[in-house]
Amino acid sequence: MNKSLWVMLAICVALPILANAAVYKWKDKDGITRYSDTPPPSNVQQLPVNGKKPVSIKPPAAMTVEEAAAAATSAASGADAKKKPEANADKSEANSDGDAEKRQKDAEEEKRKSEQKEAELKVKQQNCSNSKANLNTYQQGGRIRKNNESGERAYLSDAEIAQGLAQAQKDVEQFCSE
């Protein structure tokens, strides 16, 4: 009973953390509302999720200087932005798809790198914890025993304890330095 209570408590603590993931909402070219954990293509306006304001997206980086200047002047004069030539619109759409794929690959690589860093940090913390416990054992003094190859108890001599203490201090310095 007590173990199941701890499991339920752990789940209740973990749920808010898991629910805090980024969610993106946008409408695609067909007018269908999409939800995703990856950002939408750069040429799409994001819609509010959970009552938050929409995030403004920059135009695709593939836009030429002339296209950017034309878009800026037409927006300033109140002209309709849909008067672009059809060829430029197709190029812009193809570039935005490529940009979206590149962003998704970059996001996946970033996620993989962060997971790798977290794993390395966990290993380093575990090594530090183990080396501190080992050092504490040697510093307490008294008789220290280990199991030999045949599984029998063997007590360490004073020289072996001194050598183990020196090695434990080196391990703490190596694994616990930041």
C-alpha atoms as a PDB file:
ATOM      1  CA  MET A   1       0.000   0.000   0.000  1.00  0.00           C
ATOM      2  CA  ASN A   2       2.768   2.414   0.949  1.00  0.00           C
ATOM      3  CA  LYS A   3       4.664   1.724  -2.303  1.00  0.00           C
ATOM      4  CA  SER A   4       1.616   2.464  -4.453  1.00  0.00           C
ATOM      5  CA  LEU A   5       1.127   5.727  -2.582  1.00  0.00           C
ATOM      6  CA  TRP A   6       4.665   6.788  -3.493  1.00  0.00           C
ATOM      7  CA  VAL A   7       4.104   5.857  -7.129  1.00  0.00           C
ATOM      8  CA  MET A   8       0.915   7.923  -7.276  1.00  0.00           C
ATOM      9  CA  LEU A   9       2.706  10.861  -5.639  1.00  0.00           C
ATOM     10  CA  ALA A  10       5.536  10.645  -8.202  1.00  0.00           C
ATOM     11  CA  ILE A  11       3.038  10.611 -11.063  1.00  0.00           C
ATOM     12  CA  CYS A  12       1.207  13.628  -9.657  1.00  0.00           C
ATOM     13  CA  VAL A  13       4.484  15.540  -9.390  1.00  0.00           C
ATOM     14  CA  ALA A  14       5.603  14.582 -12.920  1.00  0.00           C
ATOM     15  CA  LEU A  15       2.381  15.416 -14.774  1.00  0.00           C
ATOM     16  CA  PRO A  16       2.685  19.232 -14.673  1.00  0.00           C
ATOM     17  CA  ILE A  17       6.236  18.982 -15.959  1.00  0.00           C
ATOM     18  CA  LEU A  18       5.176  16.834 -18.896  1.00  0.00           C
ATOM     19  CA  ALA A  19       2.183  19.051 -19.683  1.00  0.00           C
ATOM     20  CA  ASN A  20       4.396  22.134 -20.077  1.00  0.00           C
ATOM     21  CA  ALA A  21       5.604  21.141 -23.563  1.00  0.00           C
ATOM     22  CA  ALA A  22       5.460  23.706 -26.371  1.00  0.00           C
ATOM     23  CA  VAL A  23       2.394  23.365 -28.611  1.00  0.00           C
ATOM     24  CA  TYR A  24       2.085  25.166 -31.930  1.00  0.00           C
ATOM     25  CA  LYS A  25      -1.224  25.894 -33.670  1.00  0.00           C
ATOM     26  CA  TRP A  26      -1.646  27.174 -37.220  1.00  0.00           C
ATOM     27  CA  LYS A  27      -3.872  26.925 -40.266  1.00  0.00           C
ATOM     28  CA  ASP A  28      -2.400  25.316 -43.357  1.00  0.00           C
ATOM     29  CA  LYS A  29      -2.990  26.434 -46.961  1.00  0.00           C
ATOM     30  CA  ASP A  30      -6.234  24.400 -47.088  1.00  0.00           C
ATOM     31  CA  GLY A  31      -7.613  26.158 -44.002  1.00  0.00           C
ATOM     32  CA  ILE A  32      -7.229  23.117 -41.710  1.00  0.00           C
ATOM     33  CA  THR A  33      -6.145  23.889 -38.145  1.00  0.00           C
ATOM     34  CA  ARG A  34      -2.981  21.972 -37.238  1.00  0.00           C
ATOM     35  CA  TYR A  35      -1.453  21.285 -33.796  1.00  0.00           C
ATOM     36  CA  SER A  36       2.140  20.137 -33.380  1.00  0.00           C
ATOM     37  CA  ASP A  37       5.118  20.122 -31.041  1.00  0.00           C
ATOM     38  CA  THR A  38       7.353  21.312 -33.898  1.00  0.00           C
ATOM     39  CA  PRO A  39       7.150  24.896 -35.200  1.00  0.00           C
ATOM     40  CA  PRO A  40       5.070  25.499 -38.349  1.00  0.00           C
ATOM     41  CA  PRO A  41       6.652  26.604 -41.623  1.00  0.00           C
ATOM     42  CA  SER A  42       8.089  30.102 -41.420  1.00  0.00           C
ATOM     43  CA  ASN A  43       5.528  31.599 -43.820  1.00  0.00           C
ATOM     44  CA  VAL A  44       2.560  30.633 -41.612  1.00  0.00           C
ATOM     45  CA  GLN A  45       1.052  32.818 -38.871  1.00  0.00           C
ATOM     46  CA  GLN A  46       0.849  30.996 -35.531  1.00  0.00           C
ATOM     47  CA  LEU A  47      -2.455  31.117 -33.677  1.00  0.00           C
ATOM     48  CA  PRO A  48      -2.844  31.461 -29.896  1.00  0.00           C
ATOM     49  CA  VAL A  49      -2.732  28.292 -27.800  1.00  0.00           C
ATOM     50  CA  ASN A  50      -3.922  28.297 -24.171  1.00  0.00           C
ATOM     51  CA  GLY A  51      -4.957  31.950 -24.367  1.00  0.00           C
ATOM     52  CA  LYS A  52      -1.492  33.183 -25.330  1.00  0.00           C
ATOM     53  CA  LYS A  53      -0.948  35.798 -28.021  1.00  0.00           C
ATOM     54  CA  PRO A  54       0.174  34.574 -31.453  1.00  0.00           C
ATOM     55  CA  VAL A  55       3.855  34.689 -32.206  1.00  0.00           C
ATOM     56  CA  SER A  56       4.818  36.709 -35.245  1.00  0.00           C
ATOM     57  CA  ILE A  57       6.913  34.809 -37.747  1.00  0.00           C
ATOM     58  CA  LYS A  58       9.580  36.435 -39.909  1.00  0.00           C
ATOM     59  CA  PRO A  59       9.287  36.057 -43.678  1.00  0.00           C
ATOM     60  CA  PRO A  60      11.321  33.242 -45.219  1.00  0.00           C
ATOM     61  CA  ALA A  61      15.043  33.933 -45.526  1.00  0.00           C
ATOM     62  CA  ALA A  62      14.964  33.000 -49.211  1.00  0.00           C
ATOM     63  CA  MET A  63      13.160  36.251 -50.101  1.00  0.00           C
ATOM     64  CA  THR A  64      15.295  38.484 -52.291  1.00  0.00           C
ATOM     65  CA  VAL A  65      15.997  42.113 -51.467  1.00  0.00           C
ATOM     66  CA  GLU A  66      13.739  43.262 -54.303  1.00  0.00           C
ATOM     67  CA  GLU A  67      10.857  41.069 -53.062  1.00  0.00           C
ATOM     68  CA  ALA A  68      11.312  42.363 -49.506  1.00  0.00           C
ATOM     69  CA  ALA A  69      11.341  45.970 -50.722  1.00  0.00           C
ATOM     70  CA  ALA A  70       8.226  45.366 -52.844  1.00  0.00           C
ATOM     71  CA  ALA A  71       6.433  43.736 -49.919  1.00  0.00           C
ATOM     72  CA  ALA A  72       7.381  46.613 -47.607  1.00  0.00           C
ATOM     73  CA  THR A  73       6.205  49.304 -50.034  1.00  0.00           C
ATOM     74  CA  SER A  74       2.950  47.493 -50.832  1.00  0.00           C
ATOM     75  CA  ALA A  75       2.246  47.019 -47.113  1.00  0.00           C
ATOM     76  CA  ALA A  76       2.995  50.685 -46.436  1.00  0.00           C
ATOM     77  CA  SER A  77       0.760  51.886 -49.257  1.00  0.00           C
ATOM     78  CA  GLY A  78      -2.055  49.511 -48.302  1.00  0.00           C
ATOM     79  CA  ALA A  79      -1.831  47.554 -51.560  1.00  0.00           C
ATOM     80  CA  ASP A  80      -2.861  43.916 -51.664  1.00  0.00           C
ATOM     81  CA  ALA A  81       0.152  41.665 -50.960  1.00  0.00           C
ATOM     82  CA  LYS A  82      -1.303  38.899 -53.166  1.00  0.00           C
ATOM     83  CA  LYS A  83      -0.305  40.688 -56.396  1.00  0.00           C
ATOM     84  CA  LYS A  84       3.009  38.783 -56.581  1.00  0.00           C
ATOM     85  CA  PRO A  85       3.775  36.860 -59.752  1.00  0.00           C
ATOM     86  CA  GLU A  86       2.815  33.188 -59.600  1.00  0.00           C
ATOM     87  CA  ALA A  87       6.419  32.014 -60.152  1.00  0.00           C
ATOM     88  CA  ASN A  88       7.693  33.953 -57.136  1.00  0.00           C
ATOM     89  CA  ALA A  89       4.916  32.496 -54.972  1.00  0.00           C
ATOM     90  CA  ASP A  90       5.875  28.956 -56.011  1.00  0.00           C
ATOM     91  CA  LYS A  91       9.552  29.631 -55.241  1.00  0.00           C
ATOM     92  CA  SER A  92       8.659  31.122 -51.880  1.00  0.00           C
ATOM     93  CA  GLU A  93       6.477  28.104 -50.995  1.00  0.00           C
ATOM     94  CA  ALA A  94       9.206  25.640 -52.020  1.00  0.00           C
ATOM     95  CA  ASN A  95      11.802  27.568 -50.009  1.00  0.00           C
ATOM     96  CA  SER A  96       9.553  27.714 -46.978  1.00  0.00           C
ATOM     97  CA  ASP A  97       9.074  23.928 -47.125  1.00  0.00           C
ATOM     98  CA  GLY A  98      12.848  23.512 -47.277  1.00  0.00           C
ATOM     99  CA  ASP A  99      13.234  25.960 -44.401  1.00  0.00           C
ATOM    100  CA  ALA A 100      10.674  24.037 -42.358  1.00  0.00           C
ATOM    101  CA  GLU A 101      12.506  20.763 -42.979  1.00  0.00           C
ATOM    102  CA  LYS A 102      15.809  22.395 -42.044  1.00  0.00           C
ATOM    103  CA  ARG A 103      14.291  23.829 -38.847  1.00  0.00           C
ATOM    104  CA  GLN A 104      12.847  20.433 -37.968  1.00  0.00           C
ATOM    105  CA  LYS A 105      16.217  18.727 -38.530  1.00  0.00           C
ATOM    106  CA  ASP A 106      17.931  21.413 -36.456  1.00  0.00           C
ATOM    107  CA  ALA A 107      15.371  20.968 -33.682  1.00  0.00           C
ATOM    108  CA  GLU A 108      15.875  17.194 -33.703  1.00  0.00           C
ATOM    109  CA  GLU A 109      19.662  17.599 -33.590  1.00  0.00           C
ATOM    110  CA  GLU A 110      19.375  20.127 -30.756  1.00  0.00           C
ATOM    111  CA  LYS A 111      17.104  17.731 -28.844  1.00  0.00           C
ATOM    112  CA  ARG A 112      19.557  14.861 -29.382  1.00  0.00           C
ATOM    113  CA  LYS A 113      22.460  16.999 -28.172  1.00  0.00           C
ATOM    114  CA  SER A 114      20.563  18.124 -25.077  1.00  0.00           C
ATOM    115  CA  GLU A 115      19.595  14.519 -24.265  1.00  0.00           C
ATOM    116  CA  GLN A 116      23.239  13.502 -24.637  1.00  0.00           C
ATOM    117  CA  LYS A 117      24.347  16.333 -22.334  1.00  0.00           C
ATOM    118  CA  GLU A 118      21.727  15.335 -19.765  1.00  0.00           C
ATOM    119  CA  ALA A 119      22.915  11.717 -19.875  1.00  0.00           C
ATOM    120  CA  GLU A 120      26.542  12.811 -19.431  1.00  0.00           C
ATOM    121  CA  LEU A 121      25.530  15.047 -16.524  1.00  0.00           C
ATOM    122  CA  LYS A 122      23.672  12.168 -14.843  1.00  0.00           C
ATOM    123  CA  VAL A 123      26.699   9.887 -15.212  1.00  0.00           C
ATOM    124  CA  LYS A 124      28.980  12.590 -13.821  1.00  0.00           C
ATOM    125  CA  GLN A 125      26.643  13.182 -10.857  1.00  0.00           C
ATOM    126  CA  GLN A 126      26.450   9.435 -10.168  1.00  0.00           C
ATOM    127  CA  ASN A 127      30.241   9.125 -10.330  1.00  0.00           C
ATOM    128  CA  CYS A 128      30.608  12.092  -7.989  1.00  0.00           C
ATOM    129  CA  SER A 129      28.115  10.623  -5.539  1.00  0.00           C
ATOM    130  CA  ASN A 130      29.846   7.230  -5.589  1.00  0.00           C
ATOM    131  CA  SER A 131      33.314   8.710  -5.174  1.00  0.00           C
ATOM    132  CA  LYS A 132      32.146  10.879  -2.223  1.00  0.00           C
ATOM    133  CA  ALA A 133      30.602   7.829  -0.541  1.00  0.00           C
ATOM    134  CA  ASN A 134      33.819   5.883  -1.136  1.00  0.00           C
ATOM    135  CA  LEU A 135      35.905   8.734   0.318  1.00  0.00           C
ATOM    136  CA  ASN A 136      33.595   8.917   3.338  1.00  0.00           C
ATOM    137  CA  THR A 137      34.092   5.188   3.946  1.00  0.00           C
ATOM    138  CA  TYR A 138      37.894   5.549   3.934  1.00  0.00           C
ATOM    139  CA  GLN A 139      37.821   8.695   6.125  1.00  0.00           C
ATOM    140  CA  GLN A 140      35.674   7.109   8.838  1.00  0.00           C
ATOM    141  CA  GLY A 141      38.474   4.777   9.783  1.00  0.00           C
ATOM    142  CA  GLY A 142      38.055   1.374  11.366  1.00  0.00           C
ATOM    143  CA  ARG A 143      38.271  -1.929   9.591  1.00  0.00           C
ATOM    144  CA  ILE A 144      37.302  -1.948   5.938  1.00  0.00           C
ATOM    145  CA  ARG A 145      36.527  -5.183   4.169  1.00  0.00           C
ATOM    146  CA  LYS A 146      36.058  -6.174   0.568  1.00  0.00           C
ATOM    147  CA  ASN A 147      35.070  -9.425  -1.063  1.00  0.00           C
ATOM    148  CA  ASN A 148      37.905 -11.136  -2.924  1.00  0.00           C
ATOM    149  CA  GLU A 149      37.633 -13.092  -6.193  1.00  0.00           C
ATOM    150  CA  SER A 150      36.360 -16.222  -4.437  1.00  0.00           C
ATOM    151  CA  GLY A 151      33.663 -14.220  -2.610  1.00  0.00           C
ATOM    152  CA  GLU A 152      35.319 -14.387   0.814  1.00  0.00           C
ATOM    153  CA  ARG A 153      35.643 -11.366   3.097  1.00  0.00           C
ATOM    154  CA  ALA A 154      39.103  -9.846   3.154  1.00  0.00           C
ATOM    155  CA  TYR A 155      40.019  -6.946   5.450  1.00  0.00           C
ATOM    156  CA  LEU A 156      42.253  -4.173   4.103  1.00  0.00           C
ATOM    157  CA  SER A 157      45.590  -3.434   5.695  1.00  0.00           C
ATOM    158  CA  ASP A 158      46.580   0.073   6.818  1.00  0.00           C
ATOM    159  CA  ALA A 159      48.662   0.548   3.660  1.00  0.00           C
ATOM    160  CA  GLU A 160      45.744  -0.518   1.451  1.00  0.00           C
ATOM    161  CA  ILE A 161      43.419   1.862   3.328  1.00  0.00           C
ATOM    162  CA  ALA A 162      45.873   4.762   2.829  1.00  0.00           C
ATOM    163  CA  GLN A 163      46.189   3.909  -0.850  1.00  0.00           C
ATOM    164  CA  GLY A 164      42.387   3.657  -1.197  1.00  0.00           C
ATOM    165  CA  LEU A 165      41.948   7.014   0.599  1.00  0.00           C
ATOM    166  CA  ALA A 166      44.358   8.711  -1.811  1.00  0.00           C
ATOM    167  CA  GLN A 167      42.571   7.181  -4.801  1.00  0.00           C
ATOM    168  CA  ALA A 168      39.143   8.178  -3.430  1.00  0.00           C
ATOM    169  CA  GLN A 169      40.326  11.800  -3.026  1.00  0.00           C
ATOM    170  CA  LYS A 170      41.572  11.816  -6.639  1.00  0.00           C
ATOM    171  CA  ASP A 171      38.217  10.418  -7.787  1.00  0.00           C
ATOM    172  CA  VAL A 172      36.289  13.145  -5.921  1.00  0.00           C
ATOM    173  CA  GLU A 173      38.484  15.821  -7.504  1.00  0.00           C
ATOM    174  CA  GLN A 174      38.025  14.295 -10.946  1.00  0.00           C
ATOM    175  CA  PHE A 175      34.273  13.652 -10.877  1.00  0.00           C
ATOM    176  CA  CYS A 176      33.037  16.447  -8.630  1.00  0.00           C
ATOM    177  CA  SER A 177      34.904  19.400 -10.151  1.00  0.00           C
ATOM    178  CA  GLU A 178      32.699  21.761 -12.120  1.00  0.00           C
END
